[in-house]
Protein backbone atom coordinates (compact mmCIF):
# COMPACT_ATOMS: atom_id res chain seq x y z
CA UNK A 1 88.56 126.18 89.25
CA UNK A 2 91.83 124.87 90.58
CA UNK A 3 94.99 126.69 90.89
CA UNK A 4 97.79 126.91 88.27
CA UNK A 5 100.54 124.36 88.63
CA UNK A 6 103.99 124.92 87.41
CA UNK A 7 104.76 121.33 86.61
CA UNK A 8 101.70 120.88 84.39
CA UNK A 9 102.65 124.14 82.65
CA UNK A 10 106.13 122.84 82.08
CA UNK A 11 104.91 119.55 80.66
CA UNK A 12 102.29 121.85 78.35
CA UNK A 13 105.49 123.24 77.15
CA UNK A 14 107.34 119.76 76.61
CA UNK A 15 109.81 120.61 79.51
CA UNK A 16 110.98 117.03 80.66
CA UNK A 17 111.51 118.43 84.30
CA UNK A 18 107.82 118.76 84.55
CA UNK A 19 107.11 115.29 83.69
CA UNK A 20 109.63 114.06 86.01
CA UNK A 21 108.22 116.21 88.81
CA UNK A 22 104.58 115.13 88.31
CA UNK A 23 105.51 111.47 87.93
CA UNK A 24 107.72 111.88 91.23
CA UNK A 25 104.95 113.40 92.95
CA UNK A 26 102.31 111.02 92.11
CA UNK A 27 103.49 107.69 90.98
CA UNK A 28 103.49 105.96 94.44
CA UNK A 29 100.12 106.98 95.35
CA UNK A 30 98.85 105.89 91.79
CA UNK A 31 100.71 102.52 92.20
CA UNK A 32 99.02 101.82 95.54
CA UNK A 33 95.56 102.81 93.89
CA UNK A 34 96.10 100.43 91.35
CA UNK A 35 97.63 97.55 93.25
CA UNK A 36 94.44 97.84 95.62
CA UNK A 37 92.24 97.32 92.57
CA UNK A 38 94.19 94.67 90.64
CA UNK A 39 96.08 92.95 93.39
CA UNK A 40 98.98 92.42 91.31
CA UNK A 41 102.30 94.29 91.61
CA UNK A 42 103.41 93.81 88.00
CA UNK A 43 99.98 94.74 86.45
CA UNK A 44 99.81 97.83 88.88
CA UNK A 45 103.08 99.13 87.47
CA UNK A 46 102.26 98.68 84.03
CA UNK A 47 98.79 100.45 84.51
CA UNK A 48 100.61 103.43 86.38
CA UNK A 49 102.94 103.61 83.43
CA UNK A 50 100.21 103.61 80.94
CA UNK A 51 98.17 106.07 82.92
CA UNK A 52 100.97 108.67 83.15
CA UNK A 53 101.74 107.91 79.23
CA UNK A 54 98.16 108.76 78.35
CA UNK A 55 98.18 111.79 80.91
CA UNK A 56 101.28 113.36 79.35
CA UNK A 57 100.04 112.66 75.79
CA UNK A 58 97.04 114.57 76.71
CA UNK A 59 98.59 117.08 79.04
CA UNK A 60 97.62 120.14 76.66
CA UNK A 61 93.86 119.28 77.16
CA UNK A 62 94.33 119.53 80.89
CA UNK A 63 92.26 122.51 81.88
CA UNK A 64 92.17 122.84 85.71
CA UNK A 65 88.56 121.38 86.08
CA UNK A 66 90.43 119.42 88.87
CA UNK A 67 93.85 118.95 90.42
CA UNK A 68 96.46 117.00 88.26
CA UNK A 69 96.35 114.47 91.01
CA UNK A 70 92.67 113.83 90.73
CA UNK A 71 92.74 113.72 87.02
CA UNK A 72 95.76 111.04 87.06
CA UNK A 73 94.07 109.15 89.70
CA UNK A 74 90.76 108.91 87.54
CA UNK A 75 92.85 107.78 84.69
CA UNK A 76 94.45 105.10 86.80
CA UNK A 77 91.26 103.81 88.44
CA UNK A 78 89.51 103.55 85.00
CA UNK A 79 92.78 101.73 83.52
CA UNK A 80 92.73 99.25 86.51
CA UNK A 81 89.09 98.55 86.10
CA UNK A 82 89.46 97.97 82.43
CA UNK A 83 92.30 95.61 83.25
CA UNK A 84 89.87 93.68 85.50
CA UNK A 85 87.19 93.77 82.89
CA UNK A 86 89.71 92.24 80.43
CA UNK A 87 90.20 89.64 83.08
CA UNK A 88 86.41 88.86 83.27
CA UNK A 89 85.70 90.81 86.43
CA UNK A 90 82.95 88.89 88.31
CA UNK A 91 80.45 90.84 89.80
CA UNK A 92 77.23 89.21 91.43
CA UNK A 93 73.99 91.22 90.17
CA UNK A 94 71.58 91.72 92.90
CA UNK A 95 68.69 90.59 90.75
CA UNK A 96 70.31 87.25 90.39
CA UNK A 97 70.57 86.76 94.08
CA UNK A 98 67.80 85.15 95.90
CA UNK A 99 66.00 87.07 98.61
CA UNK A 100 66.59 84.22 101.21
CA UNK A 101 70.43 84.30 100.52
CA UNK A 102 70.36 87.94 101.77
CA UNK A 103 68.01 87.18 104.83
CA UNK A 104 70.49 84.54 106.10
CA UNK A 105 73.38 86.94 106.01
CA UNK A 106 74.75 87.00 109.43
CA UNK A 107 74.74 90.40 111.43
CA UNK A 108 78.20 91.26 112.36
CA UNK A 109 78.92 94.00 114.75
CA UNK A 110 81.87 95.89 113.14
CA UNK A 111 82.35 97.98 116.40
CA UNK A 112 83.53 94.87 118.37
CA UNK A 113 86.53 93.88 116.05
CA UNK A 114 89.65 95.54 116.56
CA UNK A 115 92.70 94.81 114.11
CA UNK A 116 95.66 96.16 112.60
CA UNK A 117 96.12 97.93 109.15
CA UNK A 118 98.36 95.05 107.87
CA UNK A 119 95.76 92.59 108.71
CA UNK A 120 93.16 94.55 106.73
CA UNK A 121 95.59 94.92 103.80
CA UNK A 122 96.25 91.31 103.69
CA UNK A 123 92.44 90.58 103.98
CA UNK A 124 91.47 93.08 101.04
CA UNK A 125 94.18 91.24 98.74
CA UNK A 126 92.45 88.04 99.69
CA UNK A 127 88.86 89.19 98.31
CA UNK A 128 87.73 88.26 94.77
CA UNK A 129 88.34 90.72 91.93
CA UNK A 130 84.68 92.13 92.16
CA UNK A 131 84.33 92.68 95.90
CA UNK A 132 87.99 93.98 96.04
CA UNK A 133 87.28 96.48 93.37
CA UNK A 134 83.88 97.92 95.06
CA UNK A 135 85.50 97.89 98.40
CA UNK A 136 88.47 99.78 97.11
CA UNK A 137 86.64 102.25 95.34
CA UNK A 138 84.27 102.95 98.13
CA UNK A 139 86.48 102.61 101.29
CA UNK A 140 89.76 103.77 100.03
CA UNK A 141 89.08 106.04 96.97
CA UNK A 142 85.97 107.74 98.46
CA UNK A 143 83.68 107.03 95.59
CA UNK A 144 79.91 106.72 96.40
CA UNK A 145 77.72 103.88 94.96
CA UNK A 146 76.22 105.88 92.39
CA UNK A 147 79.88 106.88 90.77
CA UNK A 148 81.06 103.29 91.21
CA UNK A 149 77.90 101.94 89.34
CA UNK A 150 78.62 104.40 86.50
CA UNK A 151 82.33 103.57 86.50
CA UNK A 152 81.73 99.63 86.42
CA UNK A 153 78.71 99.95 84.33
CA UNK A 154 76.60 97.88 87.00
CA UNK A 155 73.38 98.75 88.93
CA UNK A 156 73.82 100.57 92.22
CA UNK A 157 71.96 97.70 94.00
CA UNK A 158 74.80 95.37 92.60
CA UNK A 159 77.57 97.73 94.04
CA UNK A 160 75.70 97.91 97.39
CA UNK A 161 75.51 94.19 97.59
CA UNK A 162 79.22 93.61 96.37
CA UNK A 163 80.34 96.42 99.18
CA UNK A 164 77.97 94.62 101.87
CA UNK A 165 79.47 91.02 100.89
CA UNK A 166 83.10 92.55 100.69
CA UNK A 167 82.88 93.79 104.10
CA UNK A 168 81.47 90.64 105.55
CA UNK A 169 84.16 88.65 103.92
CA UNK A 170 86.72 90.94 105.07
CA UNK A 171 85.36 90.58 108.85
CA UNK A 172 85.36 86.80 108.36
CA UNK A 173 88.94 86.76 107.19
CA UNK A 174 89.91 88.92 109.94
CA UNK A 175 88.19 86.95 112.53
CA UNK A 176 89.76 83.74 111.18
CA UNK A 177 93.30 85.55 111.44
CA UNK A 178 93.56 85.75 107.73
């Protein structure tokens, strides 16, 4: 059980200052979360607006099973993923990948690679939608493979292979200087 939030309670009473406070407190983080997934600023802005609209429409049902921040983040992540699904998100199913393809994967020593945060951001933006989505949910948002497989409605093995391939491709982008 989480603690009572004055801003949430103001929203439940229809007080606009509560809406403004929650939006100001969480909108930038939600925008960054969505942007990392959809890789398009305008789409991320739209998704955040839709997410807050949905949250505020349903605020009376918010029962402190989590923090408001965790609740809005889940809404924004789901909206971002649905946006990509509507754009035909491409995930490669591990069952459709030959074993020899995986055996030929080059072993990369990640510890030898030192790089700047901006290089990583640039490289992440260059990933295909499927790789970027799985990588973002795992590396930045802290979801485990099982949770991601449920969110994306794919097998855990697909999530693992997407994450592995995303990391490999990121490292290649960084080695090449993006």
